[in-house]
Amino acid sequence: KINAILADFGVEGEMQRGSVGLKIGLIAEQACDLYIHLSHRTKLWDTCAPQIILEEAGGRLTDLWGTPYRYDVRDLQNWGGIVATNGAVHATTIERLRPLLTDFGRVRVTNR
């Protein structure tokens, strides 16, 4: 699925790194422009500190549908995946991602 997204977006280069925090940090330091994580297998603790750093650098972090994560919930699972960008490409990324998510049969799930 991620390969379909990369092809649709015309991604020219891909950086593979370990943790969510490191990947988001690369966006904050302007080494790359976006990070898309389709899985729901991350937790809010994986995104809370990196999100602050990214936003201070001008970036944005939301779920796959563009909804900001809330950290005042009981359920700590990042059910909606992750989209982290440099900020400038966030709206376009979300807009282009939506039909692909539908094609994949991905439905929106929110934290409770």
Foldseek 3Di string as FASTA:
>chain_A
DVVVLCVLVVPDDDDDDDALLVVLVCQLVVVDFKDWFADQPDWQVSPDVSQVSLVVSQKHKPFLQPHRADDPADGGTNHRTMMIGNNPCVVVNSVSSVVVCVVVVHDDDHTD
